C-alpha atoms as a PDB file:
ATOM      1  CA  UNK A   1      21.093 183.345  76.793  1.00  0.00           C
ATOM      2  CA  UNK A   2      22.676 184.971  79.754  1.00  0.00           C
ATOM      3  CA  UNK A   3      25.336 182.747  81.341  1.00  0.00           C
ATOM      4  CA  UNK A   4      27.674 182.636  84.269  1.00  0.00           C
ATOM      5  CA  UNK A   5      30.722 180.261  84.091  1.00  0.00           C
ATOM      6  CA  UNK A   6      32.776 178.771  86.612  1.00  0.00           C
ATOM      7  CA  UNK A   7      35.616 176.977  84.628  1.00  0.00           C
ATOM      8  CA  UNK A   8      38.822 175.939  86.183  1.00  0.00           C
ATOM      9  CA  UNK A   9      40.980 174.013  83.611  1.00  0.00           C
ATOM     10  CA  UNK A  10      41.614 172.526  80.244  1.00  0.00           C
ATOM     11  CA  UNK A  11      38.351 171.492  78.646  1.00  0.00           C
ATOM     12  CA  UNK A  12      39.933 168.388  77.193  1.00  0.00           C
ATOM     13  CA  UNK A  13      40.512 167.033  81.073  1.00  0.00           C
ATOM     14  CA  UNK A  14      37.230 168.130  82.536  1.00  0.00           C
ATOM     15  CA  UNK A  15      33.587 167.424  82.582  1.00  0.00           C
ATOM     16  CA  UNK A  16      31.328 170.453  81.603  1.00  0.00           C
ATOM     17  CA  UNK A  17      27.836 170.654  83.452  1.00  0.00           C
ATOM     18  CA  UNK A  18      25.340 172.875  81.914  1.00  0.00           C
ATOM     19  CA  UNK A  19      22.494 174.109  84.469  1.00  0.00           C
ATOM     20  CA  UNK A  20      19.049 175.589  83.514  1.00  0.00           C
ATOM     21  CA  UNK A  21      17.178 177.315  86.327  1.00  0.00           C
ATOM     22  CA  UNK A  22      13.424 176.913  87.222  1.00  0.00           C
ATOM     23  CA  UNK A  23      10.879 179.407  86.021  1.00  0.00           C
ATOM     24  CA  UNK A  24      11.588 182.947  87.127  1.00  0.00           C
ATOM     25  CA  UNK A  25      15.234 181.681  88.170  1.00  0.00           C
ATOM     26  CA  UNK A  26      18.376 183.053  86.994  1.00  0.00           C
ATOM     27  CA  UNK A  27      21.931 181.773  86.531  1.00  0.00           C
ATOM     28  CA  UNK A  28      23.034 183.573  89.579  1.00  0.00           C
ATOM     29  CA  UNK A  29      20.580 181.461  91.505  1.00  0.00           C
ATOM     30  CA  UNK A  30      22.851 178.397  91.179  1.00  0.00           C
ATOM     31  CA  UNK A  31      25.748 180.628  92.707  1.00  0.00           C
ATOM     32  CA  UNK A  32      23.553 182.035  95.585  1.00  0.00           C
ATOM     33  CA  UNK A  33      22.269 178.624  96.596  1.00  0.00           C
ATOM     34  CA  UNK A  34      25.518 176.695  96.680  1.00  0.00           C
ATOM     35  CA  UNK A  35      25.374 174.403  93.488  1.00  0.00           C
ATOM     36  CA  UNK A  36      28.828 175.320  92.263  1.00  0.00           C
ATOM     37  CA  UNK A  37      30.202 175.492  95.941  1.00  0.00           C
ATOM     38  CA  UNK A  38      29.019 171.881  96.408  1.00  0.00           C
ATOM     39  CA  UNK A  39      31.277 170.965  93.254  1.00  0.00           C
ATOM     40  CA  UNK A  40      34.231 172.854  94.310  1.00  0.00           C
ATOM     41  CA  UNK A  41      34.211 171.619  97.873  1.00  0.00           C
ATOM     42  CA  UNK A  42      34.411 168.033  96.653  1.00  0.00           C
ATOM     43  CA  UNK A  43      37.301 169.106  94.264  1.00  0.00           C
ATOM     44  CA  UNK A  44      35.673 167.529  91.384  1.00  0.00           C
ATOM     45  CA  UNK A  45      37.144 168.176  87.767  1.00  0.00           C
ATOM     46  CA  UNK A  46      33.859 169.711  86.796  1.00  0.00           C
ATOM     47  CA  UNK A  47      33.276 173.039  84.933  1.00  0.00           C
ATOM     48  CA  UNK A  48      29.821 174.727  85.318  1.00  0.00           C
ATOM     49  CA  UNK A  49      28.038 176.995  82.939  1.00  0.00           C
ATOM     50  CA  UNK A  50      24.659 178.214  84.336  1.00  0.00           C
ATOM     51  CA  UNK A  51      22.415 179.217  81.313  1.00  0.00           C
ATOM     52  CA  UNK A  52      19.611 181.683  81.825  1.00  0.00           C
ATOM     53  CA  UNK A  53      16.693 180.271  79.688  1.00  0.00           C
ATOM     54  CA  UNK A  54      13.547 182.328  80.446  1.00  0.00           C
ATOM     55  CA  UNK A  55       9.812 181.545  79.946  1.00  0.00           C
ATOM     56  CA  UNK A  56       9.681 183.118  76.561  1.00  0.00           C
ATOM     57  CA  UNK A  57      12.089 180.482  75.390  1.00  0.00           C
ATOM     58  CA  UNK A  58       9.819 177.835  76.549  1.00  0.00           C
ATOM     59  CA  UNK A  59       6.817 179.350  75.199  1.00  0.00           C
ATOM     60  CA  UNK A  60       8.195 179.952  71.518  1.00  0.00           C
ATOM     61  CA  UNK A  61       9.717 176.637  71.829  1.00  0.00           C
ATOM     62  CA  UNK A  62      13.077 178.085  71.010  1.00  0.00           C
ATOM     63  CA  UNK A  63      14.964 176.824  74.202  1.00  0.00           C
ATOM     64  CA  UNK A  64      16.588 173.897  72.536  1.00  0.00           C
ATOM     65  CA  UNK A  65      17.937 175.835  69.533  1.00  0.00           C
ATOM     66  CA  UNK A  66      19.202 178.518  71.755  1.00  0.00           C
ATOM     67  CA  UNK A  67      20.944 176.235  74.303  1.00  0.00           C
ATOM     68  CA  UNK A  68      22.584 174.188  71.314  1.00  0.00           C
ATOM     69  CA  UNK A  69      23.771 177.570  69.386  1.00  0.00           C
ATOM     70  CA  UNK A  70      24.877 179.504  72.305  1.00  0.00           C
ATOM     71  CA  UNK A  71      26.015 177.102  74.910  1.00  0.00           C
ATOM     72  CA  UNK A  72      26.464 173.411  73.998  1.00  0.00           C
ATOM     73  CA  UNK A  73      28.043 173.751  70.489  1.00  0.00           C
ATOM     74  CA  UNK A  74      30.558 176.361  71.475  1.00  0.00           C
ATOM     75  CA  UNK A  75      31.385 174.232  74.559  1.00  0.00           C
ATOM     76  CA  UNK A  76      31.908 171.130  72.381  1.00  0.00           C
ATOM     77  CA  UNK A  77      34.144 173.606  69.998  1.00  0.00           C
ATOM     78  CA  UNK A  78      36.354 174.495  72.987  1.00  0.00           C
ATOM     79  CA  UNK A  79      37.066 170.835  73.616  1.00  0.00           C
ATOM     80  CA  UNK A  80      35.011 169.399  76.123  1.00  0.00           C
ATOM     81  CA  UNK A  81      34.614 165.787  75.457  1.00  0.00           C
ATOM     82  CA  UNK A  82      32.081 165.039  78.487  1.00  0.00           C
ATOM     83  CA  UNK A  83      29.096 167.459  78.895  1.00  0.00           C
ATOM     84  CA  UNK A  84      26.142 166.843  81.113  1.00  0.00           C
ATOM     85  CA  UNK A  85      22.893 168.818  81.259  1.00  0.00           C
ATOM     86  CA  UNK A  86      21.026 169.616  84.379  1.00  0.00           C
ATOM     87  CA  UNK A  87      17.990 171.497  85.169  1.00  0.00           C
ATOM     88  CA  UNK A  88      15.401 172.340  87.861  1.00  0.00           C
ATOM     89  CA  UNK A  89      11.662 172.313  87.231  1.00  0.00           C
ATOM     90  CA  UNK A  90      10.991 173.881  83.739  1.00  0.00           C
ATOM     91  CA  UNK A  91      14.821 173.492  83.375  1.00  0.00           C
ATOM     92  CA  UNK A  92      14.495 169.939  83.834  1.00  0.00           C
ATOM     93  CA  UNK A  93      12.000 169.963  80.979  1.00  0.00           C
ATOM     94  CA  UNK A  94      14.288 171.901  78.772  1.00  0.00           C
ATOM     95  CA  UNK A  95      17.223 169.296  79.671  1.00  0.00           C
ATOM     96  CA  UNK A  96      15.084 166.395  78.626  1.00  0.00           C
ATOM     97  CA  UNK A  97      13.796 168.101  75.390  1.00  0.00           C
ATOM     98  CA  UNK A  98      17.326 169.028  74.477  1.00  0.00           C
ATOM     99  CA  UNK A  99      18.439 165.470  74.984  1.00  0.00           C
ATOM    100  CA  UNK A 100      15.393 164.200  72.932  1.00  0.00           C
ATOM    101  CA  UNK A 101      16.511 166.349  69.872  1.00  0.00           C
ATOM    102  CA  UNK A 102      20.301 165.851  70.392  1.00  0.00           C
ATOM    103  CA  UNK A 103      22.987 163.415  71.296  1.00  0.00           C
ATOM    104  CA  UNK A 104      25.357 166.291  72.297  1.00  0.00           C
ATOM    105  CA  UNK A 105      25.075 165.671  75.940  1.00  0.00           C
ATOM    106  CA  UNK A 106      26.109 162.532  77.684  1.00  0.00           C
ATOM    107  CA  UNK A 107      23.540 162.567  80.480  1.00  0.00           C
ATOM    108  CA  UNK A 108      21.050 164.381  82.626  1.00  0.00           C
ATOM    109  CA  UNK A 109      20.840 165.638  86.371  1.00  0.00           C
ATOM    110  CA  UNK A 110      17.266 166.757  86.899  1.00  0.00           C
ATOM    111  CA  UNK A 111      15.778 168.244  90.173  1.00  0.00           C
ATOM    112  CA  UNK A 112      11.992 168.343  90.590  1.00  0.00           C
ATOM    113  CA  UNK A 113      11.549 168.012  86.647  1.00  0.00           C
ATOM    114  CA  UNK A 114       8.342 169.409  84.947  1.00  0.00           C
ATOM    115  CA  UNK A 115       7.197 166.807  82.541  1.00  0.00           C
ATOM    116  CA  UNK A 116       4.182 168.499  81.000  1.00  0.00           C
ATOM    117  CA  UNK A 117       0.748 170.079  81.627  1.00  0.00           C
ATOM    118  CA  UNK A 118      -1.828 168.089  83.882  1.00  0.00           C
ATOM    119  CA  UNK A 119      -4.137 167.088  80.765  1.00  0.00           C
ATOM    120  CA  UNK A 120      -1.218 165.406  79.113  1.00  0.00           C
ATOM    121  CA  UNK A 121       0.162 163.802  82.081  1.00  0.00           C
ATOM    122  CA  UNK A 122      -3.240 162.576  83.033  1.00  0.00           C
ATOM    123  CA  UNK A 123      -3.143 160.586  79.845  1.00  0.00           C
ATOM    124  CA  UNK A 124      -0.035 158.752  80.955  1.00  0.00           C
ATOM    125  CA  UNK A 125      -1.345 158.055  84.577  1.00  0.00           C
ATOM    126  CA  UNK A 126      -4.650 156.707  83.215  1.00  0.00           C
ATOM    127  CA  UNK A 127      -2.615 154.407  80.904  1.00  0.00           C
ATOM    128  CA  UNK A 128      -0.748 153.032  83.803  1.00  0.00           C
ATOM    129  CA  UNK A 129       2.644 154.911  83.515  1.00  0.00           C
ATOM    130  CA  UNK A 130       5.013 155.694  80.335  1.00  0.00           C
ATOM    131  CA  UNK A 131       5.511 151.953  79.318  1.00  0.00           C
ATOM    132  CA  UNK A 132       1.793 151.434  78.887  1.00  0.00           C
ATOM    133  CA  UNK A 133       0.884 154.833  77.384  1.00  0.00           C
ATOM    134  CA  UNK A 134      -0.085 155.229  73.705  1.00  0.00           C
ATOM    135  CA  UNK A 135      -0.101 158.850  72.358  1.00  0.00           C
ATOM    136  CA  UNK A 136      -3.605 159.755  71.033  1.00  0.00           C
ATOM    137  CA  UNK A 137      -3.334 159.929  67.164  1.00  0.00           C
ATOM    138  CA  UNK A 138      -5.742 162.691  67.286  1.00  0.00           C
ATOM    139  CA  UNK A 139      -3.787 164.791  69.878  1.00  0.00           C
ATOM    140  CA  UNK A 140      -1.796 167.672  68.856  1.00  0.00           C
ATOM    141  CA  UNK A 141       1.991 167.037  68.199  1.00  0.00           C
ATOM    142  CA  UNK A 142       3.085 169.517  70.788  1.00  0.00           C
ATOM    143  CA  UNK A 143       6.650 169.518  72.486  1.00  0.00           C
ATOM    144  CA  UNK A 144       5.128 167.990  75.727  1.00  0.00           C
ATOM    145  CA  UNK A 145       3.954 164.783  73.908  1.00  0.00           C
ATOM    146  CA  UNK A 146       7.156 164.736  71.971  1.00  0.00           C
ATOM    147  CA  UNK A 147       9.271 164.757  75.254  1.00  0.00           C
ATOM    148  CA  UNK A 148       7.051 162.118  76.564  1.00  0.00           C
ATOM    149  CA  UNK A 149       7.197 159.767  73.374  1.00  0.00           C
ATOM    150  CA  UNK A 150      11.013 160.159  73.423  1.00  0.00           C
ATOM    151  CA  UNK A 151      11.260 159.476  77.128  1.00  0.00           C
ATOM    152  CA  UNK A 152       8.984 156.326  76.705  1.00  0.00           C
ATOM    153  CA  UNK A 153      11.492 154.955  74.235  1.00  0.00           C
ATOM    154  CA  UNK A 154      14.628 156.193  75.908  1.00  0.00           C
ATOM    155  CA  UNK A 155      13.799 154.341  79.264  1.00  0.00           C
ATOM    156  CA  UNK A 156      13.991 150.998  77.473  1.00  0.00           C
ATOM    157  CA  UNK A 157      17.573 151.839  76.580  1.00  0.00           C
ATOM    158  CA  UNK A 158      19.897 150.701  79.340  1.00  0.00           C
ATOM    159  CA  UNK A 159      22.607 153.063  78.385  1.00  0.00           C
ATOM    160  CA  UNK A 160      20.272 156.200  78.277  1.00  0.00           C
ATOM    161  CA  UNK A 161      18.512 155.144  81.400  1.00  0.00           C
ATOM    162  CA  UNK A 162      21.968 154.683  83.363  1.00  0.00           C
ATOM    163  CA  UNK A 163      22.594 158.553  82.438  1.00  0.00           C
ATOM    164  CA  UNK A 164      19.652 160.169  84.149  1.00  0.00           C
ATOM    165  CA  UNK A 165      19.600 161.192  87.775  1.00  0.00           C
ATOM    166  CA  UNK A 166      16.600 162.559  89.470  1.00  0.00           C
ATOM    167  CA  UNK A 167      15.853 164.268  92.899  1.00  0.00           C
ATOM    168  CA  UNK A 168      12.952 165.752  94.203  1.00  0.00           C
ATOM    169  CA  UNK A 169      11.086 166.474  97.435  1.00  0.00           C
ATOM    170  CA  UNK A 170       8.103 164.202  98.606  1.00  0.00           C
ATOM    171  CA  UNK A 171       5.977 167.182  99.314  1.00  0.00           C
ATOM    172  CA  UNK A 172       6.452 168.738  95.684  1.00  0.00           C
ATOM    173  CA  UNK A 173       3.493 169.590  93.899  1.00  0.00           C
ATOM    174  CA  UNK A 174       4.829 167.869  90.767  1.00  0.00           C
ATOM    175  CA  UNK A 175       5.717 164.761  92.791  1.00  0.00           C
ATOM    176  CA  UNK A 176       3.225 162.362  91.348  1.00  0.00           C
ATOM    177  CA  UNK A 177       4.241 163.277  87.747  1.00  0.00           C
ATOM    178  CA  UNK A 178       7.999 163.244  88.450  1.00  0.00           C
ATOM    179  CA  UNK A 179       7.445 159.480  89.861  1.00  0.00           C
ATOM    180  CA  UNK A 180       6.464 158.673  86.163  1.00  0.00           C
ATOM    181  CA  UNK A 181      10.076 159.167  85.329  1.00  0.00           C
ATOM    182  CA  UNK A 182      11.727 158.162  88.931  1.00  0.00           C
ATOM    183  CA  UNK A 183      10.028 155.013  89.228  1.00  0.00           C
ATOM    184  CA  UNK A 184      11.283 153.891  85.708  1.00  0.00           C
ATOM    185  CA  UNK A 185      15.032 154.574  86.681  1.00  0.00           C
ATOM    186  CA  UNK A 186      17.540 152.498  88.856  1.00  0.00           C
ATOM    187  CA  UNK A 187      16.653 153.629  92.199  1.00  0.00           C
ATOM    188  CA  UNK A 188      20.137 154.401  93.104  1.00  0.00           C
ATOM    189  CA  UNK A 189      19.815 157.282  90.537  1.00  0.00           C
ATOM    190  CA  UNK A 190      16.819 158.746  92.429  1.00  0.00           C
ATOM    191  CA  UNK A 191      17.009 161.008  95.404  1.00  0.00           C
ATOM    192  CA  UNK A 192      13.844 161.572  97.269  1.00  0.00           C
ATOM    193  CA  UNK A 193      13.783 163.957 100.383  1.00  0.00           C
ATOM    194  CA  UNK A 194      11.414 165.846 102.668  1.00  0.00           C
ATOM    195  CA  UNK A 195      10.566 169.322 101.161  1.00  0.00           C
ATOM    196  CA  UNK A 196       8.547 170.852  98.363  1.00  0.00           C
ATOM    197  CA  UNK A 197       9.191 172.960  95.138  1.00  0.00           C
ATOM    198  CA  UNK A 198      11.876 175.392  96.443  1.00  0.00           C
ATOM    199  CA  UNK A 199      15.376 176.334  96.564  1.00  0.00           C
ATOM    200  CA  UNK A 200      16.057 175.037 100.129  1.00  0.00           C
ATOM    201  CA  UNK A 201      14.953 171.612  99.115  1.00  0.00           C
ATOM    202  CA  UNK A 202      16.807 171.700  95.646  1.00  0.00           C
ATOM    203  CA  UNK A 203      20.133 172.721  97.366  1.00  0.00           C
ATOM    204  CA  UNK A 204      19.922 169.646  99.739  1.00  0.00           C
ATOM    205  CA  UNK A 205      19.006 167.281  96.908  1.00  0.00           C
ATOM    206  CA  UNK A 206      21.773 168.549  94.891  1.00  0.00           C
ATOM    207  CA  UNK A 207      24.591 167.629  97.395  1.00  0.00           C
ATOM    208  CA  UNK A 208      23.224 163.953  97.207  1.00  0.00           C
ATOM    209  CA  UNK A 209      22.589 163.920  93.583  1.00  0.00           C
ATOM    210  CA  UNK A 210      25.916 165.190  92.783  1.00  0.00           C
ATOM    211  CA  UNK A 211      27.628 162.341  94.920  1.00  0.00           C
ATOM    212  CA  UNK A 212      25.581 159.606  93.333  1.00  0.00           C
ATOM    213  CA  UNK A 213      26.428 161.008  89.931  1.00  0.00           C
ATOM    214  CA  UNK A 214      30.118 161.437  90.265  1.00  0.00           C
ATOM    215  CA  UNK A 215      30.829 158.199  91.938  1.00  0.00           C
ATOM    216  CA  UNK A 216      28.785 156.107  89.579  1.00  0.00           C
ATOM    217  CA  UNK A 217      30.971 157.484  86.721  1.00  0.00           C
END
Protein backbone atom coordinates (compact mmCIF):
# COMPACT_ATOMS: atom_id res chain seq x y z
CA UNK A 1 0.00 0.00 0.00
CA UNK A 2 1.15 3.52 -0.77
CA UNK A 3 1.14 5.58 2.42
CA UNK A 4 1.61 9.21 3.43
CA UNK A 5 2.40 9.82 7.09
CA UNK A 6 2.12 12.98 9.16
CA UNK A 7 3.52 12.00 12.53
CA UNK A 8 4.72 14.56 15.03
CA UNK A 9 5.71 12.96 18.31
CA UNK A 10 6.24 9.98 20.56
CA UNK A 11 3.80 7.21 19.48
CA UNK A 12 3.28 6.23 23.11
CA UNK A 13 1.75 9.64 23.82
CA UNK A 14 -0.32 10.13 20.68
CA UNK A 15 -3.35 8.70 18.88
CA UNK A 16 -2.83 7.33 15.39
CA UNK A 17 -5.56 7.83 12.81
CA UNK A 18 -5.30 5.65 9.69
CA UNK A 19 -7.35 6.84 6.72
CA UNK A 20 -8.55 4.93 3.64
CA UNK A 21 -9.61 6.91 0.53
CA UNK A 22 -12.71 6.45 -1.62
CA UNK A 23 -12.62 4.59 -4.93
CA UNK A 24 -10.13 6.24 -7.31
CA UNK A 25 -8.86 8.36 -4.42
CA UNK A 26 -5.27 8.51 -3.21
CA UNK A 27 -3.52 9.18 0.11
CA UNK A 28 -2.59 12.61 -1.24
CA UNK A 29 -6.25 13.58 -1.51
CA UNK A 30 -6.47 13.73 2.28
CA UNK A 31 -3.67 16.30 2.25
CA UNK A 32 -5.08 18.27 -0.68
CA UNK A 33 -8.54 18.54 0.86
CA UNK A 34 -7.37 19.66 4.28
CA UNK A 35 -8.03 16.57 6.39
CA UNK A 36 -4.65 16.72 8.09
CA UNK A 37 -4.74 20.51 8.31
CA UNK A 38 -8.01 20.26 10.27
CA UNK A 39 -6.25 18.14 12.87
CA UNK A 40 -3.14 20.32 13.02
CA UNK A 41 -5.12 23.56 13.36
CA UNK A 42 -6.79 22.15 16.45
CA UNK A 43 -3.41 21.13 17.89
CA UNK A 44 -4.65 17.62 18.58
CA UNK A 45 -2.09 14.99 19.65
CA UNK A 46 -3.02 12.87 16.65
CA UNK A 47 -0.74 11.35 14.01
CA UNK A 48 -2.13 10.46 10.59
CA UNK A 49 -1.30 7.77 8.06
CA UNK A 50 -3.24 7.87 4.81
CA UNK A 51 -3.10 4.43 3.20
CA UNK A 52 -3.72 3.91 -0.50
CA UNK A 53 -6.02 0.91 -0.72
CA UNK A 54 -7.01 0.52 -4.37
CA UNK A 55 -9.98 -1.09 -6.11
CA UNK A 56 -8.09 -4.35 -6.68
CA UNK A 57 -7.58 -4.74 -2.91
CA UNK A 58 -11.34 -4.78 -2.46
CA UNK A 59 -12.05 -6.96 -5.48
CA UNK A 60 -9.64 -9.67 -4.37
CA UNK A 61 -10.62 -9.11 -0.70
CA UNK A 62 -7.00 -8.57 0.32
CA UNK A 63 -7.62 -5.09 1.76
CA UNK A 64 -7.88 -6.27 5.38
CA UNK A 65 -4.78 -8.47 5.25
CA UNK A 66 -2.74 -5.77 3.52
CA UNK A 67 -3.89 -3.05 5.89
CA UNK A 68 -3.04 -5.17 8.92
CA UNK A 69 0.35 -6.35 7.71
CA UNK A 70 1.55 -3.11 6.14
CA UNK A 71 0.05 -0.41 8.37
CA UNK A 72 -1.77 -1.45 11.57
CA UNK A 73 0.58 -4.11 12.96
CA UNK A 74 3.73 -2.01 12.31
CA UNK A 75 2.06 0.98 13.98
CA UNK A 76 1.24 -1.05 17.07
CA UNK A 77 4.83 -2.33 17.09
CA UNK A 78 6.09 1.28 17.07
CA UNK A 79 4.20 1.90 20.31
CA UNK A 80 0.84 3.41 19.40
CA UNK A 81 -1.57 2.46 22.15
CA UNK A 82 -4.53 4.35 20.68
CA UNK A 83 -5.39 3.70 17.04
CA UNK A 84 -8.49 4.71 15.11
CA UNK A 85 -9.39 3.82 11.54
CA UNK A 86 -11.29 6.05 9.16
CA UNK A 87 -12.46 5.87 5.59
CA UNK A 88 -14.56 7.45 2.90
CA UNK A 89 -17.06 5.52 0.76
CA UNK A 90 -15.39 2.19 -0.14
CA UNK A 91 -12.69 3.19 2.38
CA UNK A 92 -15.45 3.18 4.99
CA UNK A 93 -16.37 -0.34 3.91
CA UNK A 94 -12.74 -1.37 4.28
CA UNK A 95 -12.56 0.21 7.73
CA UNK A 96 -15.68 -1.62 8.91
CA UNK A 97 -14.52 -4.91 7.42
CA UNK A 98 -11.16 -4.55 9.16
CA UNK A 99 -12.89 -3.95 12.49
CA UNK A 100 -15.13 -6.97 11.86
CA UNK A 101 -12.07 -9.19 11.59
CA UNK A 102 -9.67 -7.54 14.07
CA UNK A 103 -9.78 -5.90 17.49
CA UNK A 104 -6.59 -3.96 16.72
CA UNK A 105 -8.31 -0.57 16.32
CA UNK A 106 -10.16 1.38 18.98
CA UNK A 107 -12.88 2.88 16.80
CA UNK A 108 -14.01 4.16 13.41
CA UNK A 109 -14.56 7.53 11.73
CA UNK A 110 -16.62 6.99 8.57
CA UNK A 111 -17.67 9.43 5.87
CA UNK A 112 -20.37 8.34 3.42
CA UNK A 113 -19.52 4.67 4.02
CA UNK A 114 -20.39 2.18 1.30
CA UNK A 115 -22.08 -0.74 3.05
CA UNK A 116 -22.68 -3.14 0.18
CA UNK A 117 -24.33 -3.71 -3.16
CA UNK A 118 -27.98 -2.88 -3.77
CA UNK A 119 -29.29 -6.49 -3.76
CA UNK A 120 -27.73 -7.21 -0.38
CA UNK A 121 -28.84 -3.92 1.18
CA UNK A 122 -32.33 -4.38 -0.20
CA UNK A 123 -32.57 -7.52 1.92
CA UNK A 124 -31.87 -5.40 5.00
CA UNK A 125 -34.31 -2.66 4.00
CA UNK A 126 -37.11 -5.16 3.32
CA UNK A 127 -36.50 -6.72 6.72
CA UNK A 128 -36.97 -3.34 8.42
CA UNK A 129 -33.33 -2.62 9.27
CA UNK A 130 -30.24 -4.35 10.57
CA UNK A 131 -31.81 -5.36 13.88
CA UNK A 132 -34.53 -7.36 12.09
CA UNK A 133 -32.52 -8.70 9.16
CA UNK A 134 -31.87 -12.41 9.03
CA UNK A 135 -29.21 -13.47 6.49
CA UNK A 136 -30.55 -15.90 3.93
CA UNK A 137 -29.01 -19.29 4.68
CA UNK A 138 -28.85 -20.02 0.96
CA UNK A 139 -27.18 -16.71 0.03
CA UNK A 140 -23.46 -16.69 -0.78
CA UNK A 141 -21.18 -15.99 2.20
CA UNK A 142 -19.50 -12.98 0.64
CA UNK A 143 -17.67 -10.18 2.43
CA UNK A 144 -20.68 -7.86 2.19
CA UNK A 145 -22.92 -10.20 4.18
CA UNK A 146 -20.01 -10.93 6.50
CA UNK A 147 -19.76 -7.21 7.26
CA UNK A 148 -23.49 -6.70 7.74
CA UNK A 149 -23.73 -9.74 10.02
CA UNK A 150 -20.90 -8.39 12.16
CA UNK A 151 -22.42 -4.93 12.20
CA UNK A 152 -25.79 -6.31 13.27
CA UNK A 153 -24.20 -7.83 16.36
CA UNK A 154 -21.75 -5.00 17.01
CA UNK A 155 -24.48 -2.39 17.20
CA UNK A 156 -25.96 -4.19 20.20
CA UNK A 157 -22.67 -3.67 22.09
CA UNK A 158 -22.72 -0.23 23.72
CA UNK A 159 -18.91 0.00 23.83
CA UNK A 160 -18.50 -0.72 20.11
CA UNK A 161 -21.44 1.52 19.26
CA UNK A 162 -19.87 4.42 21.17
CA UNK A 163 -16.76 4.18 19.01
CA UNK A 164 -18.30 4.61 15.57
CA UNK A 165 -18.78 8.11 14.13
CA UNK A 166 -20.51 8.69 10.79
CA UNK A 167 -20.88 11.72 8.53
CA UNK A 168 -22.70 11.95 5.21
CA UNK A 169 -24.41 14.36 2.85
CA UNK A 170 -28.20 14.19 2.80
CA UNK A 171 -28.11 14.20 -1.02
CA UNK A 172 -25.50 11.43 -1.17
CA UNK A 173 -26.57 8.64 -3.52
CA UNK A 174 -25.76 6.17 -0.74
CA UNK A 175 -27.71 8.08 1.95
CA UNK A 176 -30.57 5.55 2.26
CA UNK A 177 -28.13 2.71 2.96
CA UNK A 178 -25.91 4.84 5.23
CA UNK A 179 -28.98 5.53 7.36
CA UNK A 180 -29.17 1.82 8.17
CA UNK A 181 -26.02 2.40 10.20
CA UNK A 182 -26.50 6.05 11.21
CA UNK A 183 -29.96 5.50 12.68
CA UNK A 184 -28.61 2.73 14.92
CA UNK A 185 -25.96 5.00 16.49
CA UNK A 186 -26.26 7.66 19.20
CA UNK A 187 -27.17 10.74 17.20
CA UNK A 188 -24.39 12.86 18.70
CA UNK A 189 -22.04 10.55 16.76
CA UNK A 190 -23.75 11.25 13.43
CA UNK A 191 -23.20 14.34 11.29
CA UNK A 192 -25.55 15.11 8.40
CA UNK A 193 -25.07 18.08 6.07
CA UNK A 194 -26.20 19.35 2.72
CA UNK A 195 -24.21 17.83 -0.12
CA UNK A 196 -23.54 14.73 -2.11
CA UNK A 197 -20.84 12.14 -2.62
CA UNK A 198 -17.85 14.44 -3.20
CA UNK A 199 -14.74 15.83 -1.56
CA UNK A 200 -16.26 19.25 -0.87
CA UNK A 201 -19.00 17.67 1.22
CA UNK A 202 -16.60 15.28 2.94
CA UNK A 203 -14.16 18.04 3.91
CA UNK A 204 -16.94 19.98 5.64
CA UNK A 205 -18.24 16.88 7.39
CA UNK A 206 -14.73 16.01 8.52
CA UNK A 207 -14.34 19.23 10.48
CA UNK A 208 -17.50 18.48 12.44
CA UNK A 209 -16.79 14.76 12.88
CA UNK A 210 -13.29 15.42 14.21
CA UNK A 211 -14.65 17.83 16.81
CA UNK A 212 -17.34 15.43 18.02
CA UNK A 213 -14.90 12.51 18.06
CA UNK A 214 -12.08 14.19 19.92
CA UNK A 215 -14.14 15.97 22.54
CA UNK A 216 -16.11 12.82 23.30
CA UNK A 217 -12.92 10.96 24.23
